[in-house]
Each structure stands twice: as C-alpha cells, then as structure tokens.
Amino acid sequence: MKYGMLWFDNDPKTDLPAKITRAAAFYERKYGITPTLCIVNPTMTEKKKLLAGNIEVKTNPSILPNHLWIGADS
C-alpha cells in the first residue's frame, strides 16, 4: 500500500474487526474508494494475517499500537 489513512482507536470495549469496519466506512465515505488492506501493530492481534470482512489485515511493528493504517492495496 503506497497511500492510506492512519486511524486511531483505543476503545478497549471494541474488538479489532469492529474497529477496522468503522475505519473502512469512514475511509470509503471520505475518499470514495473501498479499502482492501489494513495494517496494525502485532500486539493488536495474535494472527499475522487475517480478514475483517473483505479487508486483508496484516501486522507490522512500525505501526503504533491502537493505530490502523487502512487503504487500498496497490
């Protein structure tokens, strides 16, 4: 992903897929593009790769905890 949106969500009551869904809805409204990729800090999930709806979720330690880098995979 070359371009994306950084989304902060530290709500402890919301699980990761719900956070990604909220960020994806905002991203689509703002940019008119459906996101396909979300990168999160490895501490936010035990899996290295997973899906949240149609969005592929990957981990990268350079993303700060509670932040999601979401966008369209290029």
PDB file of N, CA and C in Angstrom:
ATOM      1  N   MET A   1       0.853  -1.164   0.000  1.00  0.00           N
ATOM      2  CA  MET A   1       0.000   0.000   0.000  1.00  0.00           C
ATOM      3  C   MET A   1       0.901   1.230   0.000  1.00  0.00           C
ATOM      4  N   LYS A   2       0.743   2.063  -1.008  1.00  0.00           N
ATOM      5  CA  LYS A   2       1.513   3.297  -1.083  1.00  0.00           C
ATOM      6  C   LYS A   2       0.845   4.416  -0.295  1.00  0.00           C
ATOM      7  N   TYR A   3      -0.481   4.482  -0.356  1.00  0.00           N
ATOM      8  CA  TYR A   3      -1.232   5.542   0.310  1.00  0.00           C
ATOM      9  C   TYR A   3      -2.297   4.918   1.184  1.00  0.00           C
ATOM     10  N   GLY A   4      -2.547   5.532   2.297  1.00  0.00           N
ATOM     11  CA  GLY A   4      -3.572   5.047   3.198  1.00  0.00           C
ATOM     12  C   GLY A   4      -3.921   6.122   4.201  1.00  0.00           C
ATOM     13  N   MET A   5      -4.776   5.772   5.114  1.00  0.00           N
ATOM     14  CA  MET A   5      -5.219   6.684   6.150  1.00  0.00           C
ATOM     15  C   MET A   5      -4.852   6.072   7.496  1.00  0.00           C
ATOM     16  N   LEU A   6      -4.287   6.861   8.362  1.00  0.00           N
ATOM     17  CA  LEU A   6      -3.965   6.396   9.705  1.00  0.00           C
ATOM     18  C   LEU A   6      -5.160   6.680  10.612  1.00  0.00           C
ATOM     19  N   TRP A   7      -5.648   5.645  11.278  1.00  0.00           N
ATOM     20  CA  TRP A   7      -6.836   5.730  12.113  1.00  0.00           C
ATOM     21  C   TRP A   7      -6.454   5.339  13.538  1.00  0.00           C
ATOM     22  N   PHE A   8      -6.826   6.146  14.510  1.00  0.00           N
ATOM     23  CA  PHE A   8      -6.550   5.856  15.917  1.00  0.00           C
ATOM     24  C   PHE A   8      -7.827   5.420  16.597  1.00  0.00           C
ATOM     25  N   ASP A   9      -7.760   4.292  17.306  1.00  0.00           N
ATOM     26  CA  ASP A   9      -8.923   3.794  18.043  1.00  0.00           C
ATOM     27  C   ASP A   9      -8.418   3.018  19.252  1.00  0.00           C
ATOM     28  N   ASN A  10      -8.531   3.590  20.429  1.00  0.00           N
ATOM     29  CA  ASN A  10      -8.067   2.910  21.640  1.00  0.00           C
ATOM     30  C   ASN A  10      -9.212   2.450  22.530  1.00  0.00           C
ATOM     31  N   ASP A  11     -10.397   2.266  21.974  1.00  0.00           N
ATOM     32  CA  ASP A  11     -11.557   1.810  22.731  1.00  0.00           C
ATOM     33  C   ASP A  11     -11.345   0.354  23.158  1.00  0.00           C
ATOM     34  N   PRO A  12     -11.163   0.091  24.439  1.00  0.00           N
ATOM     35  CA  PRO A  12     -10.907  -1.279  24.895  1.00  0.00           C
ATOM     36  C   PRO A  12     -12.122  -2.199  24.793  1.00  0.00           C
ATOM     37  N   LYS A  13     -13.320  -1.622  24.625  1.00  0.00           N
ATOM     38  CA  LYS A  13     -14.534  -2.427  24.553  1.00  0.00           C
ATOM     39  C   LYS A  13     -14.844  -2.917  23.139  1.00  0.00           C
ATOM     40  N   THR A  14     -14.109  -2.419  22.143  1.00  0.00           N
ATOM     41  CA  THR A  14     -14.367  -2.761  20.746  1.00  0.00           C
ATOM     42  C   THR A  14     -13.283  -3.700  20.239  1.00  0.00           C
ATOM     43  N   ASP A  15     -13.714  -4.783  19.567  1.00  0.00           N
ATOM     44  CA  ASP A  15     -12.729  -5.720  19.035  1.00  0.00           C
ATOM     45  C   ASP A  15     -12.136  -5.198  17.723  1.00  0.00           C
ATOM     46  N   LEU A  16     -11.048  -5.810  17.293  1.00  0.00           N
ATOM     47  CA  LEU A  16     -10.322  -5.336  16.122  1.00  0.00           C
ATOM     48  C   LEU A  16     -11.175  -5.324  14.851  1.00  0.00           C
ATOM     49  N   PRO A  17     -11.939  -6.377  14.539  1.00  0.00           N
ATOM     50  CA  PRO A  17     -12.758  -6.303  13.327  1.00  0.00           C
ATOM     51  C   PRO A  17     -13.740  -5.135  13.316  1.00  0.00           C
ATOM     52  N   ALA A  18     -14.320  -4.799  14.468  1.00  0.00           N
ATOM     53  CA  ALA A  18     -15.249  -3.667  14.543  1.00  0.00           C
ATOM     54  C   ALA A  18     -14.514  -2.347  14.318  1.00  0.00           C
ATOM     55  N   LYS A  19     -13.310  -2.242  14.866  1.00  0.00           N
ATOM     56  CA  LYS A  19     -12.511  -1.033  14.652  1.00  0.00           C
ATOM     57  C   LYS A  19     -12.183  -0.866  13.171  1.00  0.00           C
ATOM     58  N   ILE A  20     -11.821  -1.968  12.530  1.00  0.00           N
ATOM     59  CA  ILE A  20     -11.494  -1.924  11.103  1.00  0.00           C
ATOM     60  C   ILE A  20     -12.728  -1.561  10.284  1.00  0.00           C
ATOM     61  N   THR A  21     -13.874  -2.091  10.644  1.00  0.00           N
ATOM     62  CA  THR A  21     -15.121  -1.783   9.940  1.00  0.00           C
ATOM     63  C   THR A  21     -15.448  -0.294  10.040  1.00  0.00           C
ATOM     64  N   ARG A  22     -15.282   0.291  11.228  1.00  0.00           N
ATOM     65  CA  ARG A  22     -15.531   1.732  11.395  1.00  0.00           C
ATOM     66  C   ARG A  22     -14.564   2.565  10.566  1.00  0.00           C
ATOM     67  N   ALA A  23     -13.292   2.194  10.622  1.00  0.00           N
ATOM     68  CA  ALA A  23     -12.283   2.929   9.852  1.00  0.00           C
ATOM     69  C   ALA A  23     -12.541   2.790   8.352  1.00  0.00           C
ATOM     70  N   ALA A  24     -12.934   1.607   7.912  1.00  0.00           N
ATOM     71  CA  ALA A  24     -13.195   1.370   6.490  1.00  0.00           C
ATOM     72  C   ALA A  24     -14.387   2.181   6.002  1.00  0.00           C
ATOM     73  N   ALA A  25     -15.434   2.269   6.818  1.00  0.00           N
ATOM     74  CA  ALA A  25     -16.613   3.049   6.436  1.00  0.00           C
ATOM     75  C   ALA A  25     -16.251   4.527   6.288  1.00  0.00           C
ATOM     76  N   PHE A  26     -15.480   5.045   7.217  1.00  0.00           N
ATOM     77  CA  PHE A  26     -15.042   6.438   7.134  1.00  0.00           C
ATOM     78  C   PHE A  26     -14.175   6.654   5.896  1.00  0.00           C
ATOM     79  N   TYR A  27     -13.233   5.751   5.668  1.00  0.00           N
ATOM     80  CA  TYR A  27     -12.325   5.852   4.522  1.00  0.00           C
ATOM     81  C   TYR A  27     -13.115   5.884   3.212  1.00  0.00           C
ATOM     82  N   GLU A  28     -14.095   5.001   3.108  1.00  0.00           N
ATOM     83  CA  GLU A  28     -14.895   4.946   1.874  1.00  0.00           C
ATOM     84  C   GLU A  28     -15.722   6.211   1.680  1.00  0.00           C
ATOM     85  N   ARG A  29     -16.302   6.732   2.755  1.00  0.00           N
ATOM     86  CA  ARG A  29     -17.063   7.986   2.645  1.00  0.00           C
ATOM     87  C   ARG A  29     -16.157   9.154   2.244  1.00  0.00           C
ATOM     88  N   LYS A  30     -14.979   9.208   2.835  1.00  0.00           N
ATOM     89  CA  LYS A  30     -14.078  10.332   2.610  1.00  0.00           C
ATOM     90  C   LYS A  30     -13.411  10.295   1.242  1.00  0.00           C
ATOM     91  N   TYR A  31     -12.952   9.110   0.828  1.00  0.00           N
ATOM     92  CA  TYR A  31     -12.161   9.016  -0.404  1.00  0.00           C
ATOM     93  C   TYR A  31     -12.899   8.374  -1.581  1.00  0.00           C
ATOM     94  N   GLY A  32     -14.047   7.772  -1.332  1.00  0.00           N
ATOM     95  CA  GLY A  32     -14.810   7.144  -2.406  1.00  0.00           C
ATOM     96  C   GLY A  32     -14.183   5.856  -2.925  1.00  0.00           C
ATOM     97  N   ILE A  33     -13.295   5.281  -2.154  1.00  0.00           N
ATOM     98  CA  ILE A  33     -12.606   4.045  -2.536  1.00  0.00           C
ATOM     99  C   ILE A  33     -12.811   3.027  -1.419  1.00  0.00           C
ATOM    100  N   THR A  34     -13.112   1.803  -1.789  1.00  0.00           N
ATOM    101  CA  THR A  34     -13.269   0.747  -0.796  1.00  0.00           C
ATOM    102  C   THR A  34     -11.893   0.233  -0.386  1.00  0.00           C
ATOM    103  N   PRO A  35     -11.563   0.291   0.901  1.00  0.00           N
ATOM    104  CA  PRO A  35     -10.261  -0.204   1.333  1.00  0.00           C
ATOM    105  C   PRO A  35     -10.182  -1.727   1.239  1.00  0.00           C
ATOM    106  N   THR A  36      -8.995  -2.219   0.967  1.00  0.00           N
ATOM    107  CA  THR A  36      -8.784  -3.658   0.837  1.00  0.00           C
ATOM    108  C   THR A  36      -7.694  -4.178   1.771  1.00  0.00           C
ATOM    109  N   LEU A  37      -6.990  -3.266   2.432  1.00  0.00           N
ATOM    110  CA  LEU A  37      -5.870  -3.668   3.276  1.00  0.00           C
ATOM    111  C   LEU A  37      -5.818  -2.797   4.531  1.00  0.00           C
ATOM    112  N   CYS A  38      -5.523  -3.432   5.651  1.00  0.00           N
ATOM    113  CA  CYS A  38      -5.340  -2.722   6.911  1.00  0.00           C
ATOM    114  C   CYS A  38      -4.104  -3.303   7.595  1.00  0.00           C
ATOM    115  N   ILE A  39      -3.215  -2.428   8.016  1.00  0.00           N
ATOM    116  CA  ILE A  39      -2.000  -2.869   8.700  1.00  0.00           C
ATOM    117  C   ILE A  39      -2.051  -2.369  10.134  1.00  0.00           C
ATOM    118  N   VAL A  40      -1.803  -3.282  11.079  1.00  0.00           N
ATOM    119  CA  VAL A  40      -1.875  -2.965  12.507  1.00  0.00           C
ATOM    120  C   VAL A  40      -0.605  -3.444  13.209  1.00  0.00           C
ATOM    121  N   ASN A  41      -0.420  -2.973  14.426  1.00  0.00           N
ATOM    122  CA  ASN A  41       0.690  -3.421  15.249  1.00  0.00           C
ATOM    123  C   ASN A  41       0.465  -4.886  15.643  1.00  0.00           C
ATOM    124  N   PRO A  42       1.512  -5.708  15.705  1.00  0.00           N
ATOM    125  CA  PRO A  42       1.345  -7.122  16.068  1.00  0.00           C
ATOM    126  C   PRO A  42       0.718  -7.350  17.445  1.00  0.00           C
ATOM    127  N   THR A  43       0.780  -6.372  18.336  1.00  0.00           N
ATOM    128  CA  THR A  43       0.173  -6.547  19.659  1.00  0.00           C
ATOM    129  C   THR A  43      -1.352  -6.501  19.608  1.00  0.00           C
ATOM    130  N   MET A  44      -1.916  -6.069  18.484  1.00  0.00           N
ATOM    131  CA  MET A  44      -3.367  -5.935  18.372  1.00  0.00           C
ATOM    132  C   MET A  44      -4.045  -7.229  17.943  1.00  0.00           C
ATOM    133  N   THR A  45      -3.278  -8.212  17.488  1.00  0.00           N
ATOM    134  CA  THR A  45      -3.838  -9.497  17.086  1.00  0.00           C
ATOM    135  C   THR A  45      -2.778 -10.575  17.236  1.00  0.00           C
ATOM    136  N   GLU A  46      -3.202 -11.784  17.519  1.00  0.00           N
ATOM    137  CA  GLU A  46      -2.262 -12.894  17.638  1.00  0.00           C
ATOM    138  C   GLU A  46      -1.895 -13.471  16.271  1.00  0.00           C
ATOM    139  N   LYS A  47      -2.745 -13.224  15.279  1.00  0.00           N
ATOM    140  CA  LYS A  47      -2.509 -13.759  13.944  1.00  0.00           C
ATOM    141  C   LYS A  47      -1.676 -12.779  13.127  1.00  0.00           C
ATOM    142  N   LYS A  48      -0.817 -13.308  12.262  1.00  0.00           N
ATOM    143  CA  LYS A  48      -0.012 -12.445  11.395  1.00  0.00           C
ATOM    144  C   LYS A  48      -0.819 -11.954  10.205  1.00  0.00           C
ATOM    145  N   LYS A  49      -1.823 -12.734   9.791  1.00  0.00           N
ATOM    146  CA  LYS A  49      -2.698 -12.362   8.680  1.00  0.00           C
ATOM    147  C   LYS A  49      -4.109 -12.825   9.011  1.00  0.00           C
ATOM    148  N   LEU A  50      -5.088 -11.982   8.735  1.00  0.00           N
ATOM    149  CA  LEU A  50      -6.476 -12.353   8.921  1.00  0.00           C
ATOM    150  C   LEU A  50      -7.341 -11.487   8.031  1.00  0.00           C
ATOM    151  N   LEU A  51      -8.628 -11.763   8.021  1.00  0.00           N
ATOM    152  CA  LEU A  51      -9.579 -10.978   7.240  1.00  0.00           C
ATOM    153  C   LEU A  51     -10.594 -10.345   8.173  1.00  0.00           C
ATOM    154  N   ALA A  52     -10.954  -9.110   7.882  1.00  0.00           N
ATOM    155  CA  ALA A  52     -12.041  -8.417   8.569  1.00  0.00           C
ATOM    156  C   ALA A  52     -13.013  -8.026   7.469  1.00  0.00           C
ATOM    157  N   GLY A  53     -14.008  -8.868   7.245  1.00  0.00           N
ATOM    158  CA  GLY A  53     -14.882  -8.681   6.089  1.00  0.00           C
ATOM    159  C   GLY A  53     -14.089  -8.976   4.834  1.00  0.00           C
ATOM    160  N   ASN A  54     -14.030  -8.039   3.916  1.00  0.00           N
ATOM    161  CA  ASN A  54     -13.246  -8.200   2.693  1.00  0.00           C
ATOM    162  C   ASN A  54     -11.882  -7.516   2.788  1.00  0.00           C
ATOM    163  N   ILE A  55     -11.513  -7.085   3.964  1.00  0.00           N
ATOM    164  CA  ILE A  55     -10.257  -6.353   4.155  1.00  0.00           C
ATOM    165  C   ILE A  55      -9.199  -7.294   4.730  1.00  0.00           C
ATOM    166  N   GLU A  56      -8.089  -7.392   4.017  1.00  0.00           N
ATOM    167  CA  GLU A  56      -6.968  -8.192   4.498  1.00  0.00           C
ATOM    168  C   GLU A  56      -6.264  -7.411   5.601  1.00  0.00           C
ATOM    169  N   VAL A  57      -5.958  -8.089   6.700  1.00  0.00           N
ATOM    170  CA  VAL A  57      -5.301  -7.457   7.837  1.00  0.00           C
ATOM    171  C   VAL A  57      -3.917  -8.073   7.992  1.00  0.00           C
ATOM    172  N   LYS A  58      -2.904  -7.211   7.993  1.00  0.00           N
ATOM    173  CA  LYS A  58      -1.520  -7.640   8.187  1.00  0.00           C
ATOM    174  C   LYS A  58      -0.953  -6.903   9.390  1.00  0.00           C
ATOM    175  N   THR A  59       0.144  -7.440   9.919  1.00  0.00           N
ATOM    176  CA  THR A  59       0.785  -6.787  11.048  1.00  0.00           C
ATOM    177  C   THR A  59       2.150  -6.239  10.637  1.00  0.00           C
ATOM    178  N   ASN A  60       2.536  -5.158  11.330  1.00  0.00           N
ATOM    179  CA  ASN A  60       3.842  -4.552  11.109  1.00  0.00           C
ATOM    180  C   ASN A  60       4.207  -3.814  12.391  1.00  0.00           C
ATOM    181  N   PRO A  61       5.369  -4.095  12.967  1.00  0.00           N
ATOM    182  CA  PRO A  61       5.730  -3.460  14.228  1.00  0.00           C
ATOM    183  C   PRO A  61       5.976  -1.956  14.124  1.00  0.00           C
ATOM    184  N   SER A  62       6.099  -1.424  12.926  1.00  0.00           N
ATOM    185  CA  SER A  62       6.305   0.021  12.794  1.00  0.00           C
ATOM    186  C   SER A  62       5.006   0.820  12.963  1.00  0.00           C
ATOM    187  N   ILE A  63       3.859   0.144  12.953  1.00  0.00           N
ATOM    188  CA  ILE A  63       2.573   0.808  13.219  1.00  0.00           C
ATOM    189  C   ILE A  63       2.397   0.856  14.735  1.00  0.00           C
ATOM    190  N   LEU A  64       2.098   2.030  15.256  1.00  0.00           N
ATOM    191  CA  LEU A  64       1.920   2.176  16.700  1.00  0.00           C
ATOM    192  C   LEU A  64       0.689   1.413  17.185  1.00  0.00           C
ATOM    193  N   PRO A  65       0.703   0.894  18.415  1.00  0.00           N
ATOM    194  CA  PRO A  65      -0.484   0.240  18.972  1.00  0.00           C
ATOM    195  C   PRO A  65      -1.685   1.193  18.939  1.00  0.00           C
ATOM    196  N   ASN A  66      -2.845   0.622  18.743  1.00  0.00           N
ATOM    197  CA  ASN A  66      -4.127   1.346  18.667  1.00  0.00           C
ATOM    198  C   ASN A  66      -4.269   2.183  17.396  1.00  0.00           C
ATOM    199  N   HIS A  67      -3.387   2.023  16.446  1.00  0.00           N
ATOM    200  CA  HIS A  67      -3.463   2.710  15.159  1.00  0.00           C
ATOM    201  C   HIS A  67      -3.707   1.683  14.062  1.00  0.00           C
ATOM    202  N   LEU A  68      -4.466   2.080  13.059  1.00  0.00           N
ATOM    203  CA  LEU A  68      -4.715   1.237  11.892  1.00  0.00           C
ATOM    204  C   LEU A  68      -4.320   2.035  10.670  1.00  0.00           C
ATOM    205  N   TRP A  69      -3.528   1.451   9.814  1.00  0.00           N
ATOM    206  CA  TRP A  69      -3.197   2.077   8.535  1.00  0.00           C
ATOM    207  C   TRP A  69      -4.058   1.363   7.511  1.00  0.00           C
ATOM    208  N   ILE A  70      -5.040   2.052   6.984  1.00  0.00           N
ATOM    209  CA  ILE A  70      -6.038   1.428   6.113  1.00  0.00           C
ATOM    210  C   ILE A  70      -6.061   2.110   4.752  1.00  0.00           C
ATOM    211  N   GLY A  71      -6.234   1.307   3.714  1.00  0.00           N
ATOM    212  CA  GLY A  71      -6.282   1.856   2.361  1.00  0.00           C
ATOM    213  C   GLY A  71      -6.488   0.754   1.347  1.00  0.00           C
ATOM    214  N   ALA A  72      -6.291   1.098   0.098  1.00  0.00           N
ATOM    215  CA  ALA A  72      -6.458   0.139  -0.994  1.00  0.00           C
ATOM    216  C   ALA A  72      -5.082  -0.398  -1.363  1.00  0.00           C
ATOM    217  N   ASP A  73      -4.960  -1.718  -1.373  1.00  0.00           N
ATOM    218  CA  ASP A  73      -3.698  -2.346  -1.746  1.00  0.00           C
ATOM    219  C   ASP A  73      -3.411  -2.082  -3.208  1.00  0.00           C
ATOM    220  N   SER A  74      -2.193  -1.658  -3.501  1.00  0.00           N
ATOM    221  CA  SER A  74      -1.856  -1.345  -4.896  1.00  0.00           C
ATOM    222  C   SER A  74      -1.001  -2.432  -5.519  1.00  0.00           C
TER     223      SER A  74
END
